[in-house]
Amino acid sequence: GNLAGQRAAGLQKRRQKEQVEFEAKRARIVADNERSKQNIGAKFSGGDGGASVAERTFREATVGLVTAEDFRRAAEDAKGGRKKKENGGEGAAAPKTEDELEAERIRREKKSK
């Protein structure tokens, strides 16, 4: 009689331990699935959350540049824009719209072909 009760109590403890482990494993799987649902930009933002508007605009403008010369020219344009803004903002170019940036990217792709 008593032996059966001890065995049952031991099995009950083991079952509770296994259930706790199962719940922890299940929670880990759910968390992994949630993380995998994030878009690629959220996973690999590159830590540019604090990047200035000018820096982000420069990065967008330089995507798809084919030659180092194109990149240097874009960098010089960006530096020139910053200097103009520092000198009172006269002659600073208006920020480009997404449509203008897209049109430039398409022109660069056509040139490279």
C-alpha atoms as a PDB file:
ATOM      1  CA  GLY A   1       0.000   0.000   0.000  1.00  0.00           C
ATOM      2  CA  ASN A   2       2.535   2.582   1.116  1.00  0.00           C
ATOM      3  CA  LEU A   3       4.992   1.729  -1.665  1.00  0.00           C
ATOM      4  CA  ALA A   4       2.356   2.382  -4.324  1.00  0.00           C
ATOM      5  CA  GLY A   5       1.607   5.782  -2.776  1.00  0.00           C
ATOM      6  CA  GLN A   6       5.275   6.782  -2.809  1.00  0.00           C
ATOM      7  CA  ARG A   7       5.615   5.678  -6.420  1.00  0.00           C
ATOM      8  CA  ALA A   8       2.540   7.673  -7.400  1.00  0.00           C
ATOM      9  CA  ALA A   9       3.862  10.774  -5.600  1.00  0.00           C
ATOM     10  CA  GLY A  10       7.239  10.447  -7.361  1.00  0.00           C
ATOM     11  CA  LEU A  11       5.547  10.060 -10.746  1.00  0.00           C
ATOM     12  CA  GLN A  12       3.360  13.078 -10.002  1.00  0.00           C
ATOM     13  CA  LYS A  13       6.439  15.203  -9.173  1.00  0.00           C
ATOM     14  CA  ARG A  14       8.185  14.040 -12.346  1.00  0.00           C
ATOM     15  CA  ARG A  15       5.071  14.831 -14.388  1.00  0.00           C
ATOM     16  CA  GLN A  16       4.894  18.348 -12.933  1.00  0.00           C
ATOM     17  CA  LYS A  17       8.587  18.923 -13.694  1.00  0.00           C
ATOM     18  CA  GLU A  18       8.119  17.724 -17.283  1.00  0.00           C
ATOM     19  CA  GLN A  19       5.084  19.978 -17.675  1.00  0.00           C
ATOM     20  CA  VAL A  20       7.070  23.038 -16.493  1.00  0.00           C
ATOM     21  CA  GLU A  21       9.863  22.178 -18.962  1.00  0.00           C
ATOM     22  CA  PHE A  22       7.308  21.738 -21.743  1.00  0.00           C
ATOM     23  CA  GLU A  23       5.720  25.139 -21.047  1.00  0.00           C
ATOM     24  CA  ALA A  24       9.139  26.824 -21.065  1.00  0.00           C
ATOM     25  CA  LYS A  25      10.011  25.138 -24.357  1.00  0.00           C
ATOM     26  CA  ARG A  26       6.647  26.133 -25.814  1.00  0.00           C
ATOM     27  CA  ALA A  27       7.144  29.773 -24.756  1.00  0.00           C
ATOM     28  CA  ARG A  28      10.600  29.768 -26.387  1.00  0.00           C
ATOM     29  CA  ILE A  29       9.140  28.434 -29.650  1.00  0.00           C
ATOM     30  CA  VAL A  30       6.397  31.073 -29.634  1.00  0.00           C
ATOM     31  CA  ALA A  31       8.992  33.809 -29.073  1.00  0.00           C
ATOM     32  CA  ASP A  32      11.136  32.473 -31.928  1.00  0.00           C
ATOM     33  CA  ASN A  33       8.112  32.426 -34.234  1.00  0.00           C
ATOM     34  CA  GLU A  34       7.246  36.025 -33.327  1.00  0.00           C
ATOM     35  CA  ARG A  35      10.803  37.107 -34.045  1.00  0.00           C
ATOM     36  CA  SER A  36      10.735  35.358 -37.414  1.00  0.00           C
ATOM     37  CA  LYS A  37       7.574  37.263 -38.351  1.00  0.00           C
ATOM     38  CA  GLN A  38       9.417  40.591 -38.165  1.00  0.00           C
ATOM     39  CA  ASN A  39      10.304  42.110 -41.486  1.00  0.00           C
ATOM     40  CA  ILE A  40      13.897  42.007 -42.606  1.00  0.00           C
ATOM     41  CA  GLY A  41      14.383  45.730 -41.952  1.00  0.00           C
ATOM     42  CA  ALA A  42      13.505  45.337 -38.292  1.00  0.00           C
ATOM     43  CA  LYS A  43      15.989  42.488 -37.865  1.00  0.00           C
ATOM     44  CA  PHE A  44      18.920  44.173 -39.578  1.00  0.00           C
ATOM     45  CA  SER A  45      18.385  47.871 -39.083  1.00  0.00           C
ATOM     46  CA  GLY A  46      22.142  48.366 -38.800  1.00  0.00           C
ATOM     47  CA  GLY A  47      21.701  50.473 -35.721  1.00  0.00           C
ATOM     48  CA  ASP A  48      20.856  53.562 -37.768  1.00  0.00           C
ATOM     49  CA  GLY A  49      17.859  54.413 -35.633  1.00  0.00           C
ATOM     50  CA  GLY A  50      19.704  57.543 -34.570  1.00  0.00           C
ATOM     51  CA  ALA A  51      20.931  58.437 -38.051  1.00  0.00           C
ATOM     52  CA  SER A  52      20.138  61.966 -39.144  1.00  0.00           C
ATOM     53  CA  VAL A  53      17.730  62.693 -41.949  1.00  0.00           C
ATOM     54  CA  ALA A  54      20.627  63.868 -44.110  1.00  0.00           C
ATOM     55  CA  GLU A  55      22.539  60.642 -43.519  1.00  0.00           C
ATOM     56  CA  ARG A  56      19.525  58.461 -44.316  1.00  0.00           C
ATOM     57  CA  THR A  57      18.843  60.507 -47.459  1.00  0.00           C
ATOM     58  CA  PHE A  58      22.482  60.102 -48.497  1.00  0.00           C
ATOM     59  CA  ARG A  59      22.288  56.341 -47.965  1.00  0.00           C
ATOM     60  CA  GLU A  60      19.106  56.121 -50.038  1.00  0.00           C
ATOM     61  CA  ALA A  61      20.666  58.235 -52.795  1.00  0.00           C
ATOM     62  CA  THR A  62      23.783  56.068 -52.992  1.00  0.00           C
ATOM     63  CA  VAL A  63      22.005  52.709 -53.205  1.00  0.00           C
ATOM     64  CA  GLY A  64      22.715  51.172 -56.584  1.00  0.00           C
ATOM     65  CA  LEU A  65      25.664  53.386 -57.540  1.00  0.00           C
ATOM     66  CA  VAL A  66      27.906  51.482 -59.898  1.00  0.00           C
ATOM     67  CA  THR A  67      31.249  53.237 -59.718  1.00  0.00           C
ATOM     68  CA  ALA A  68      33.312  54.705 -56.928  1.00  0.00           C
ATOM     69  CA  GLU A  69      33.277  57.990 -58.839  1.00  0.00           C
ATOM     70  CA  ASP A  70      29.460  58.136 -58.613  1.00  0.00           C
ATOM     71  CA  PHE A  71      29.728  57.575 -54.868  1.00  0.00           C
ATOM     72  CA  ARG A  72      32.389  60.279 -54.464  1.00  0.00           C
ATOM     73  CA  ARG A  73      30.254  62.725 -56.429  1.00  0.00           C
ATOM     74  CA  ALA A  74      27.242  61.964 -54.212  1.00  0.00           C
ATOM     75  CA  ALA A  75      29.391  62.362 -51.098  1.00  0.00           C
ATOM     76  CA  GLU A  76      30.695  65.719 -52.313  1.00  0.00           C
ATOM     77  CA  ASP A  77      27.134  66.849 -53.081  1.00  0.00           C
ATOM     78  CA  ALA A  78      26.109  65.851 -49.568  1.00  0.00           C
ATOM     79  CA  LYS A  79      29.055  67.684 -47.998  1.00  0.00           C
ATOM     80  CA  GLY A  80      28.325  70.748 -50.097  1.00  0.00           C
ATOM     81  CA  GLY A  81      24.710  70.720 -48.940  1.00  0.00           C
ATOM     82  CA  ARG A  82      25.804  70.534 -45.314  1.00  0.00           C
ATOM     83  CA  LYS A  83      28.242  73.441 -45.743  1.00  0.00           C
ATOM     84  CA  LYS A  84      25.563  75.570 -47.385  1.00  0.00           C
ATOM     85  CA  LYS A  85      23.176  74.858 -44.541  1.00  0.00           C
ATOM     86  CA  GLU A  86      25.863  75.774 -42.002  1.00  0.00           C
ATOM     87  CA  ASN A  87      26.490  79.045 -43.852  1.00  0.00           C
ATOM     88  CA  GLY A  88      22.920  80.240 -43.487  1.00  0.00           C
ATOM     89  CA  GLY A  89      21.046  77.792 -45.673  1.00  0.00           C
ATOM     90  CA  GLU A  90      21.351  79.784 -48.884  1.00  0.00           C
ATOM     91  CA  GLY A  91      21.393  77.693 -52.035  1.00  0.00           C
ATOM     92  CA  ALA A  92      20.731  74.428 -50.223  1.00  0.00           C
ATOM     93  CA  ALA A  93      18.941  71.977 -52.464  1.00  0.00           C
ATOM     94  CA  ALA A  94      15.468  70.898 -51.437  1.00  0.00           C
ATOM     95  CA  PRO A  95      15.309  67.291 -50.247  1.00  0.00           C
ATOM     96  CA  LYS A  96      14.456  64.888 -53.030  1.00  0.00           C
ATOM     97  CA  THR A  97      11.171  63.069 -53.025  1.00  0.00           C
ATOM     98  CA  GLU A  98      11.013  59.304 -53.158  1.00  0.00           C
ATOM     99  CA  ASP A  99       9.894  59.544 -56.800  1.00  0.00           C
ATOM    100  CA  GLU A 100      12.955  61.621 -57.706  1.00  0.00           C
ATOM    101  CA  LEU A 101      15.259  59.195 -55.894  1.00  0.00           C
ATOM    102  CA  GLU A 102      13.639  56.263 -57.701  1.00  0.00           C
ATOM    103  CA  ALA A 103      13.995  58.019 -61.079  1.00  0.00           C
ATOM    104  CA  GLU A 104      17.706  58.634 -60.392  1.00  0.00           C
ATOM    105  CA  ARG A 105      18.226  55.004 -59.416  1.00  0.00           C
ATOM    106  CA  ILE A 106      16.553  53.825 -62.635  1.00  0.00           C
ATOM    107  CA  ARG A 107      18.716  56.216 -64.701  1.00  0.00           C
ATOM    108  CA  ARG A 108      21.866  54.855 -63.030  1.00  0.00           C
ATOM    109  CA  GLU A 109      20.773  51.279 -63.726  1.00  0.00           C
ATOM    110  CA  LYS A 110      20.156  52.091 -67.390  1.00  0.00           C
ATOM    111  CA  LYS A 111      23.595  53.733 -67.682  1.00  0.00           C
ATOM    112  CA  SER A 112      25.290  50.673 -66.258  1.00  0.00           C
ATOM    113  CA  LYS A 113      23.703  48.356 -68.833  1.00  0.00           C
END
